[in-house]
Amino acid sequence: MPTLTIEYQTDAERMAFEQAIACVQNLNQLAQTAEHGTVLAVCEQLALSGGRQLLRETLAAALQTRADTTDAQKKFPATAARGGIPVGF
């Protein structure tokens, strides 16, 4: 079986990549096992529901990362304003 190497910066990115891969695997499995005449409908349903869930989780992670960054800047405003260099140095 081929392997894939993915570079990521955060755990949230890693989880999103893993979820996307799992979604594709589930879709392929469903396409192989769905009853004749239902393949498109059941695969479309999984793609829509799974895709929405993945988008919600990815959006939530991105917003949380932004909120955490903003909170950190508020705790240390002088450091954030000077590009990571504390005031007085």
Foldseek 3Di string as FASTA:
>chain_A
DDDDDDDDDDVLVVVLVVLVVVLVVVLVVQLVPPDPPCNVVVSVVSCVVSVVVSVVSSVVVVVVVVVVVVVVCVVQVQCVVVVNDHPPD
